[in-house]
Protein backbone atom coordinates (compact mmCIF):
# COMPACT_ATOMS: atom_id res chain seq x y z
CA MET A 1 0.20 0.11 0.09
CA LEU A 2 1.33 3.38 -1.04
CA GLU A 3 1.79 5.92 1.91
CA LEU A 4 -0.56 8.69 1.92
CA ASN A 5 2.78 11.41 2.45
CA PHE A 6 4.46 10.22 -0.49
CA ILE A 7 1.39 10.02 -2.75
CA ARG A 8 0.71 13.96 -1.49
CA ALA A 9 4.17 14.29 -1.97
CA ASN A 10 4.44 12.76 -5.40
CA LYS A 11 1.16 13.26 -7.12
CA SER A 12 2.49 13.49 -10.83
CA ARG A 13 4.90 10.64 -9.69
CA VAL A 14 2.14 8.75 -8.72
CA LEU A 15 -0.33 9.30 -11.54
CA GLN A 16 2.54 8.69 -14.05
CA GLY A 17 3.60 5.28 -12.70
CA LEU A 18 -0.36 4.25 -12.73
CA LYS A 19 -0.36 4.95 -16.62
CA ILE A 20 2.80 2.85 -16.84
CA LYS A 21 1.38 -0.08 -14.75
CA ASN A 22 -1.48 -0.29 -17.17
CA PHE A 23 -3.85 1.31 -14.17
CA PRO A 24 -7.31 2.01 -16.24
CA GLN A 25 -7.55 6.08 -16.92
CA GLU A 26 -10.64 5.90 -15.74
CA GLY A 27 -9.40 4.83 -12.32
CA LEU A 28 -6.70 7.59 -12.04
CA GLN A 29 -9.28 9.69 -10.25
CA VAL A 30 -8.90 7.36 -7.05
CA ILE A 31 -5.99 9.36 -6.13
CA ASP A 32 -7.89 12.79 -6.14
CA ASP A 33 -10.31 11.12 -4.19
CA ILE A 34 -7.49 9.80 -1.64
CA LEU A 35 -6.47 12.83 -1.05
CA LYS A 36 -9.95 14.40 -0.88
CA LEU A 37 -10.71 12.10 1.70
CA ASP A 38 -7.42 12.52 3.48
CA ASP A 39 -8.16 16.39 3.84
CA GLY A 40 -11.42 15.48 5.61
CA ARG A 41 -9.50 13.13 7.73
CA LYS A 42 -7.41 15.82 8.78
CA GLU A 43 -10.22 18.70 9.41
CA THR A 44 -11.92 16.26 11.56
CA GLN A 45 -9.35 15.49 13.23
CA THR A 46 -8.10 18.82 13.68
CA ASN A 47 -11.79 19.83 15.35
CA LEU A 48 -11.80 16.64 17.28
CA ASP A 49 -8.41 17.52 19.11
CA SER A 50 -9.84 21.33 19.68
CA LEU A 51 -13.15 20.25 21.34
CA LEU A 52 -11.59 17.54 23.19
CA ALA A 53 -8.57 20.41 24.66
CA GLU A 54 -11.93 22.50 25.54
CA ARG A 55 -13.71 19.41 27.18
CA ASN A 56 -10.46 19.02 29.45
CA GLN A 57 -10.30 22.41 30.31
CA LEU A 58 -13.87 22.96 31.40
CA SER A 59 -13.82 19.76 33.58
CA LYS A 60 -10.76 21.36 35.16
CA SER A 61 -12.68 24.28 35.71
CA ILE A 62 -16.10 22.40 37.38
CA GLY A 63 -14.01 21.10 40.07
CA ASN A 64 -12.73 24.70 41.27
CA LEU A 65 -16.40 26.25 40.37
CA MET A 66 -17.35 23.54 43.22
CA LYS A 67 -14.92 23.92 45.48
CA SER A 68 -15.82 27.85 45.65
CA GLY A 69 -19.14 26.99 46.04
CA GLN A 70 -20.44 28.28 42.74
CA LYS A 71 -22.47 25.49 41.95
CA ALA A 72 -24.71 26.77 39.64
CA GLU A 73 -21.87 27.44 37.35
CA ALA A 74 -20.97 24.55 37.89
CA GLU A 75 -23.89 22.42 37.11
CA ALA A 76 -24.19 25.01 33.66
CA MET A 77 -20.68 23.79 32.66
CA ARG A 78 -21.21 20.04 33.11
CA GLU A 79 -24.29 20.29 30.81
CA LYS A 80 -22.09 22.02 28.47
CA VAL A 81 -18.92 18.96 28.93
CA ALA A 82 -21.67 16.43 28.35
CA ALA A 83 -22.86 18.62 25.24
CA LEU A 84 -19.28 18.33 24.11
CA LYS A 85 -18.50 14.33 25.00
CA GLU A 86 -21.73 13.65 22.62
CA GLU A 87 -20.90 15.77 19.72
CA ALA A 88 -16.98 14.55 20.31
CA ALA A 89 -18.39 10.95 20.14
CA GLN A 90 -20.33 12.13 16.47
CA LEU A 91 -16.70 13.24 15.02
CA GLU A 92 -14.83 9.84 16.26
CA GLU A 93 -17.60 7.98 14.28
CA SER A 94 -17.35 10.34 11.12
CA LEU A 95 -13.21 9.86 12.20
CA ASN A 96 -13.54 6.31 11.85
CA ASP A 97 -15.93 6.28 8.59
CA THR A 98 -12.80 8.43 7.17
CA LYS A 99 -10.12 6.21 7.50
CA ALA A 100 -12.39 3.35 6.73
CA GLN A 101 -12.87 4.92 3.28
CA LEU A 102 -9.64 5.92 3.00
CA GLU A 103 -8.06 2.56 3.19
CA GLU A 104 -10.46 0.74 1.42
CA LEU A 105 -9.06 3.51 -1.71
CA LEU A 106 -5.68 2.71 -0.80
CA LEU A 107 -5.52 -1.03 -0.90
CA LYS A 108 -6.70 -0.54 -4.81
CA VAL A 109 -3.87 1.27 -5.69
CA PRO A 110 -1.14 -0.70 -7.13
CA ASN A 111 2.86 -0.17 -6.12
CA ILE A 112 4.18 2.82 -8.29
CA PRO A 113 7.04 1.49 -10.96
CA HIS A 114 10.45 1.63 -10.36
CA GLU A 115 12.00 4.25 -12.85
CA SER A 116 13.56 1.54 -14.94
CA VAL A 117 10.53 -0.48 -15.35
CA PRO A 118 9.65 0.00 -19.38
CA PRO A 119 6.46 0.72 -20.11
CA GLY A 120 4.13 -1.71 -22.13
CA THR A 121 1.06 -3.50 -21.68
CA GLN A 122 1.84 -7.44 -22.41
CA PRO A 123 4.44 -9.96 -21.98
CA GLU A 124 5.79 -8.92 -25.63
CA ASP A 125 6.78 -6.09 -24.11
CA ASN A 126 9.44 -7.14 -21.43
CA GLU A 127 12.66 -6.34 -21.56
CA VAL A 128 15.50 -8.76 -22.34
CA TYR A 129 18.04 -7.83 -19.24
CA LYS A 130 20.21 -10.68 -20.13
CA ALA A 131 20.22 -12.92 -22.99
CA TRP A 132 21.55 -16.24 -23.27
CA GLU A 133 24.56 -16.18 -25.63
CA THR A 134 25.60 -19.54 -26.22
CA THR A 135 23.42 -21.85 -28.73
CA LEU A 136 20.02 -23.34 -27.61
CA PRO A 137 20.47 -26.82 -27.02
CA GLU A 138 18.85 -28.40 -30.14
CA LEU A 139 17.23 -31.90 -29.73
CA GLY A 140 15.99 -34.44 -32.96
CA PRO A 141 13.34 -35.41 -34.69
CA ASP A 142 12.11 -38.00 -32.22
CA ALA A 143 12.58 -35.81 -29.15
CA LEU A 144 9.50 -36.27 -26.78
CA PRO A 145 7.80 -32.96 -24.70
CA HIS A 146 7.97 -33.40 -21.16
CA TRP A 147 4.68 -34.59 -20.47
CA GLU A 148 5.45 -37.54 -22.63
CA LEU A 149 8.70 -38.16 -21.53
CA ALA A 150 7.09 -38.42 -18.20
CA GLN A 151 4.65 -41.15 -18.94
CA LYS A 152 7.33 -43.18 -20.88
CA TYR A 153 9.24 -43.31 -17.43
CA GLY A 154 7.24 -43.37 -14.83
CA VAL A 155 8.08 -39.54 -13.86
CA PHE A 156 4.95 -38.47 -12.84
CA ASP A 157 1.23 -39.03 -13.49
CA LEU A 158 -1.32 -36.21 -14.38
CA GLU A 159 -4.09 -38.78 -14.76
CA LEU A 160 -3.98 -40.29 -11.39
CA GLY A 161 -4.21 -36.27 -10.19
CA VAL A 162 -7.13 -36.04 -11.92
CA LYS A 163 -8.24 -39.02 -10.35
CA LEU A 164 -7.09 -38.19 -6.51
CA THR A 165 -8.00 -34.73 -7.11
CA GLY A 166 -8.69 -32.63 -10.17
CA SER A 167 -6.96 -31.70 -13.22
CA GLY A 168 -3.63 -29.64 -12.68
CA PHE A 169 -2.68 -31.82 -9.56
CA PRO A 170 0.52 -34.18 -10.81
CA VAL A 171 1.70 -36.95 -8.69
CA TYR A 172 5.69 -37.64 -8.83
CA ARG A 173 6.33 -41.14 -8.63
CA GLY A 174 9.13 -43.52 -7.98
CA LYS A 175 12.64 -41.80 -9.29
CA GLY A 176 10.34 -38.82 -10.17
CA ALA A 177 9.69 -38.41 -6.46
CA LYS A 178 13.35 -38.58 -5.87
CA LEU A 179 13.80 -35.57 -8.35
CA GLU A 180 11.74 -33.43 -7.35
CA ARG A 181 12.87 -34.28 -3.52
CA ALA A 182 16.43 -33.87 -4.86
CA LEU A 183 15.65 -30.21 -6.36
CA ILE A 184 14.11 -29.08 -3.07
CA SER A 185 17.09 -30.18 -1.33
CA PHE A 186 19.62 -28.63 -3.48
CA PHE A 187 17.61 -25.20 -3.38
CA LEU A 188 17.23 -25.01 -0.17
CA ASP A 189 21.00 -25.82 0.36
CA GLU A 190 22.30 -23.45 -1.68
CA ALA A 191 20.00 -20.82 -0.38
CA ILE A 192 21.46 -21.37 3.26
CA LYS A 193 24.92 -21.20 2.16
CA ALA A 194 24.22 -17.93 0.87
CA GLY A 195 22.98 -16.76 4.16
CA PHE A 196 19.33 -17.26 4.56
CA GLU A 197 17.44 -19.27 7.21
CA GLU A 198 15.00 -21.84 6.93
CA VAL A 199 11.01 -21.57 7.61
CA ILE A 200 8.86 -24.23 7.56
CA PRO A 201 5.86 -22.26 7.30
CA PRO A 202 1.91 -22.98 7.54
CA LEU A 203 -0.02 -24.00 3.84
CA MET A 204 -2.74 -21.92 5.03
CA VAL A 205 -2.84 -18.10 6.09
CA ASN A 206 -5.64 -15.54 7.13
CA GLU A 207 -6.77 -13.18 5.74
CA ASP A 208 -4.76 -10.43 7.55
CA THR A 209 -2.05 -12.59 6.15
CA ALA A 210 -2.80 -12.56 2.51
CA ARG A 211 -3.50 -8.68 3.11
CA ALA A 212 -0.68 -7.66 4.00
CA THR A 213 1.87 -8.88 1.06
CA GLY A 214 -0.90 -7.94 -1.65
CA GLN A 215 -2.91 -11.05 -2.45
CA LEU A 216 -5.97 -9.87 -1.12
CA PRO A 217 -8.00 -8.12 -2.36
CA ASP A 218 -5.54 -8.02 -5.60
CA LYS A 219 -5.28 -12.16 -6.47
CA GLU A 220 -8.87 -13.62 -4.26
CA GLY A 221 -10.18 -15.17 -7.68
CA GLN A 222 -6.58 -17.05 -8.14
CA MET A 223 -6.07 -18.09 -3.97
CA TYR A 224 -8.21 -21.58 -2.79
CA PHE A 225 -10.59 -20.71 0.29
CA VAL A 226 -11.44 -22.77 3.57
CA GLU A 227 -14.69 -21.13 3.50
CA ARG A 228 -15.67 -23.06 7.05
CA ASP A 229 -12.25 -21.69 8.76
CA ASN A 230 -11.70 -18.12 6.53
CA LEU A 231 -8.06 -19.26 5.67
CA TYR A 232 -6.18 -19.38 2.77
CA LEU A 233 -4.21 -21.86 1.27
CA ILE A 234 -0.83 -20.16 0.17
CA PRO A 235 -0.31 -19.46 -3.48
CA THR A 236 3.62 -19.17 -2.57
CA ALA A 237 6.06 -19.33 0.25
CA GLU A 238 6.45 -14.78 0.06
CA VAL A 239 2.73 -14.82 2.15
CA PRO A 240 3.79 -16.27 5.23
CA VAL A 241 7.08 -16.04 5.67
CA THR A 242 7.21 -12.01 5.13
CA ASN A 243 4.17 -11.96 8.00
CA ILE A 244 6.96 -13.34 10.31
CA TYR A 245 7.54 -9.53 10.98
CA ARG A 246 3.82 -8.16 10.51
CA ASP A 247 3.84 -5.50 13.62
CA VAL A 248 6.90 -5.98 14.03
CA ILE A 249 9.74 -2.55 14.50
CA LEU A 250 13.38 -3.74 14.14
CA ASP A 251 16.90 -2.88 15.10
CA GLU A 252 18.52 -1.54 11.87
CA SER A 253 21.69 -3.45 12.66
CA ASP A 254 18.63 -6.75 12.17
CA LEU A 255 18.98 -6.01 8.46
CA PRO A 256 19.42 -7.65 6.10
CA ILE A 257 17.11 -10.24 7.67
CA LYS A 258 17.61 -13.39 5.04
CA MET A 259 14.73 -16.47 4.88
CA THR A 260 14.24 -19.36 2.80
CA GLY A 261 11.31 -21.65 2.79
CA TYR A 262 9.83 -24.70 0.81
CA THR A 263 6.64 -24.91 0.07
CA PRO A 264 3.72 -26.68 -1.93
CA CYS A 265 1.49 -23.08 -4.19
CA PHE A 266 -1.91 -23.71 -4.77
CA ARG A 267 -2.80 -21.18 -7.45
CA ARG A 268 -6.22 -21.69 -9.21
CA GLU A 269 -5.10 -20.67 -12.18
CA ALA A 270 -8.62 -20.04 -13.64
CA GLY A 271 -9.28 -19.68 -17.31
CA SER A 272 -6.04 -21.06 -18.65
CA TYR A 273 -6.18 -23.89 -21.98
CA GLY A 274 -4.45 -25.10 -24.85
CA ALA A 275 -1.43 -26.77 -25.98
CA HIS A 276 1.13 -24.08 -24.02
CA VAL A 277 -0.26 -25.17 -20.59
CA ARG A 278 0.25 -28.90 -21.26
CA GLY A 279 2.15 -31.03 -18.52
CA LEU A 280 3.40 -29.13 -16.25
CA ASN A 281 3.43 -26.20 -18.10
CA ARG A 282 0.55 -24.53 -15.67
CA VAL A 283 -0.09 -26.40 -12.74
CA HIS A 284 -2.50 -25.91 -9.82
CA GLN A 285 -0.32 -27.20 -7.27
CA PHE A 286 3.60 -26.87 -7.47
CA ASP A 287 6.96 -27.02 -5.10
CA LYS A 288 8.36 -24.19 -4.97
CA VAL A 289 11.78 -22.79 -2.75
CA GLU A 290 11.19 -18.86 -1.92
CA ILE A 291 14.04 -16.65 -0.41
CA VAL A 292 12.46 -13.64 0.83
CA VAL A 293 14.83 -10.49 2.53
CA LEU A 294 13.78 -7.49 4.40
CA ASP A 295 16.09 -5.29 3.68
CA HIS A 296 17.39 -0.83 4.15
CA PRO A 297 15.65 1.28 1.48
CA ASP A 298 19.13 1.94 0.62
CA LYS A 299 20.37 -0.89 0.46
CA SER A 300 17.57 -3.31 -1.38
CA TYR A 301 18.30 -2.97 -4.96
CA GLU A 302 21.69 -3.91 -4.59
CA THR A 303 19.91 -6.89 -2.77
CA LEU A 304 17.71 -7.25 -5.24
CA GLN A 305 20.87 -7.49 -7.74
CA GLN A 306 22.29 -10.59 -5.32
CA MET A 307 18.96 -12.05 -5.41
CA LEU A 308 19.40 -12.19 -9.24
CA ALA A 309 23.08 -13.80 -9.26
CA HIS A 310 22.04 -16.29 -6.64
CA VAL A 311 19.54 -17.94 -9.13
CA SER A 312 21.50 -17.13 -11.52
CA GLY A 313 23.98 -19.68 -9.92
CA LEU A 314 21.53 -22.35 -9.44
CA LEU A 315 20.30 -22.74 -12.74
CA ASP A 316 23.70 -22.90 -13.78
CA LYS A 317 24.65 -25.51 -11.51
CA LEU A 318 21.71 -26.73 -13.63
CA GLU A 319 23.08 -26.83 -17.02
CA LEU A 320 19.97 -24.91 -18.18
CA PRO A 321 19.99 -22.48 -20.83
CA TYR A 322 17.85 -19.07 -19.21
CA ARG A 323 17.15 -15.50 -19.54
CA ILE A 324 16.48 -12.88 -17.57
CA LEU A 325 13.45 -10.27 -18.42
CA ARG A 326 12.97 -7.03 -17.08
CA LEU A 327 8.86 -6.88 -16.64
CA CYS A 328 7.33 -4.12 -18.31
CA GLY A 329 4.32 -1.73 -16.55
CA GLY A 330 1.71 -4.00 -17.70
CA ASP A 331 2.89 -7.33 -16.91
CA MET A 332 4.19 -7.14 -13.34
CA SER A 333 2.71 -7.58 -9.79
CA PHE A 334 -0.34 -5.30 -8.18
CA THR A 335 2.82 -4.92 -5.23
CA SER A 336 5.95 -4.94 -7.32
CA ALA A 337 8.13 -2.14 -7.63
CA LEU A 338 10.90 -3.81 -10.51
CA THR A 339 10.60 -7.64 -11.47
CA PHE A 340 12.55 -9.38 -13.28
CA ASP A 341 11.46 -13.08 -14.66
CA PHE A 342 13.88 -16.02 -15.12
CA GLU A 343 12.79 -18.26 -18.09
CA VAL A 344 14.55 -21.29 -18.90
CA PHE A 345 14.99 -23.05 -22.70
CA SER A 346 12.25 -26.15 -23.36
CA ALA A 347 14.63 -27.74 -26.31
CA ALA A 348 11.24 -30.01 -27.07
CA GLN A 349 8.36 -27.71 -26.92
CA LYS A 350 10.82 -24.81 -28.03
CA ARG A 351 9.60 -21.95 -26.13
CA TRP A 352 10.88 -20.13 -23.02
CA LEU A 353 9.65 -21.28 -19.71
CA GLU A 354 8.85 -19.16 -17.06
CA VAL A 355 10.94 -20.73 -13.46
CA SER A 356 11.35 -17.29 -11.20
CA SER A 357 10.04 -14.13 -10.60
CA VAL A 358 12.48 -11.68 -8.52
CA SER A 359 10.85 -8.52 -7.30
CA ASN A 360 11.76 -5.46 -5.16
CA PHE A 361 7.79 -4.19 -3.70
CA GLU A 362 10.23 -1.19 -1.69
CA THR A 363 7.01 -0.09 1.52
CA PHE A 364 4.00 -1.11 -0.63
CA GLN A 365 4.08 -4.67 1.75
CA SER A 366 5.93 -3.09 4.68
CA ASN A 367 3.35 -0.19 5.00
CA ARG A 368 0.46 -2.80 5.26
CA MET A 369 2.41 -4.79 7.67
CA LYS A 370 3.68 -1.68 9.88
CA LEU A 371 6.65 -3.25 9.91
CA ARG A 372 9.53 -0.80 10.46
CA TYR A 373 12.84 -0.16 11.90
CA ARG A 374 14.16 2.24 14.09
CA ASP A 375 16.05 5.01 12.23
CA GLY A 376 17.72 7.09 15.07
CA LYS A 377 14.59 8.46 17.20
CA SER A 378 12.16 7.68 14.60
CA THR A 379 11.11 4.40 12.49
CA ARG A 380 11.08 3.76 8.73
CA LEU A 381 9.50 1.22 6.81
CA VAL A 382 11.76 -1.28 5.48
CA HIS A 383 11.95 -2.72 1.96
CA THR A 384 11.04 -6.09 0.78
CA LEU A 385 12.11 -8.36 -1.69
CA ASN A 386 11.24 -11.86 -3.20
CA GLY A 387 12.31 -14.35 -5.60
CA SER A 388 11.21 -17.98 -6.73
CA ALA A 389 14.93 -20.08 -5.81
CA LEU A 390 13.19 -21.72 -7.75
CA ALA A 391 9.93 -22.82 -8.71
CA LEU A 392 10.11 -27.04 -9.65
CA ALA A 393 7.29 -28.02 -12.29
CA ARG A 394 8.56 -25.96 -15.05
CA ILE A 395 12.38 -26.32 -13.98
CA VAL A 396 11.83 -30.59 -14.04
CA ALA A 397 9.69 -30.29 -17.35
CA ALA A 398 13.32 -28.54 -18.64
CA LEU A 399 15.24 -30.73 -16.98
CA LEU A 400 13.23 -33.97 -19.14
CA GLU A 401 13.19 -32.65 -22.04
CA ASN A 402 16.73 -30.85 -22.63
CA ASN A 403 18.55 -33.78 -20.98
CA GLN A 404 16.93 -36.74 -22.97
CA THR A 405 18.72 -39.37 -24.47
CA PRO A 406 17.63 -43.02 -26.14
CA GLU A 407 18.81 -44.62 -22.83
CA GLY A 408 16.86 -41.98 -20.79
CA ILE A 409 17.54 -38.80 -18.78
CA VAL A 410 20.55 -37.59 -18.25
CA ILE A 411 20.51 -36.38 -13.88
CA PRO A 412 22.72 -33.10 -13.81
CA LYS A 413 25.89 -33.63 -11.90
CA VAL A 414 25.06 -31.55 -9.18
CA LEU A 415 21.97 -33.14 -8.22
CA ARG A 416 23.14 -36.75 -8.35
CA THR A 417 24.76 -36.75 -4.68
CA TYR A 418 20.79 -36.11 -3.94
CA THR A 419 19.22 -38.39 -6.12
CA GLY A 420 21.31 -41.54 -6.02
CA PHE A 421 21.39 -42.15 -9.81
CA GLU A 422 23.13 -40.50 -12.94
CA LEU A 423 19.98 -41.75 -15.55
CA LEU A 424 16.42 -41.70 -15.17
CA ASN A 425 15.41 -44.71 -17.13
């Protein structure tokens, strides 16, 4: 959520940022509505403070009048105090109503993009930040897509997932299950080596938690909801892990705070059909290792670069061809100020598959979470960052396709101590 003071001091920048984010033109009026409501809030607060001060002064005078025997004057003053009390209650009710309206409007406004974010409205407008500089792998005419390889070698079973749950819930079996577990362990071990604390969070969160990181109200339709308990299945470990520090004031020396967590992730992904979502390209449940950083505002973009280097290192060790995209304004998430996507090349499908998003949210999430650090005698909002390191479903898809041989699937060297086998066949 944007800070009110920031909106007031940078109105033109906010409006320009919303246009880059492809915010509807008719929705820009919300900024004027917010500022008008805030003006009303300030006026009501001033009137209430003045009234309360007057009431307190009169209350003190009543005691003095009673001591001096001026009972009639004291009684008249009591009536005035009672009237002021009733008026104060009305002002407090009006103030609370204005604050609620203000928060409702602020929740509708997305984060403002970083100055480096390119304009654009669709994925085709994203900027190639780092291209794959060598030749992309080419497979022979008999190469199979990963869903056929999975069936051939018993890696995962989509039809069994349909039987047990529904479309988009794969079941990993045998060496496929071991490969999945190997990737999770590898990603966690690499994150821990890089100084991240491992966290095992809940897989369901309450409404306050989902709202704090921006899933509500923006992505409500994409989340699975347990109505009876009013809980949401997490779409990513980012949600519970970042919220560990909700309503916390940190010491500046605590920063940066680096956390990592493995969780299954649940996303409805409604309305996605066609060949581009076959197999593991788009599923409703998938495994992912997330990295989350809480950092000083002056250092967060340096940290973002370190996170990009971390994810790049994972893909290098897996020997997968990849590229990095800087997302355009219209393809960014509601909460992000700057996002880089990592895509691996799927040799059998001859297309790029997104496997990671690494983002800086600046103060957008921390403002919702009331997450601050002490800066001398005052406090400031921290910057929050996160990234997939990595999402497994499409990583598995690329590993199967790119490493297929007539004998089976060659396991990358870095994973062999985890899998216990070199060839999946």
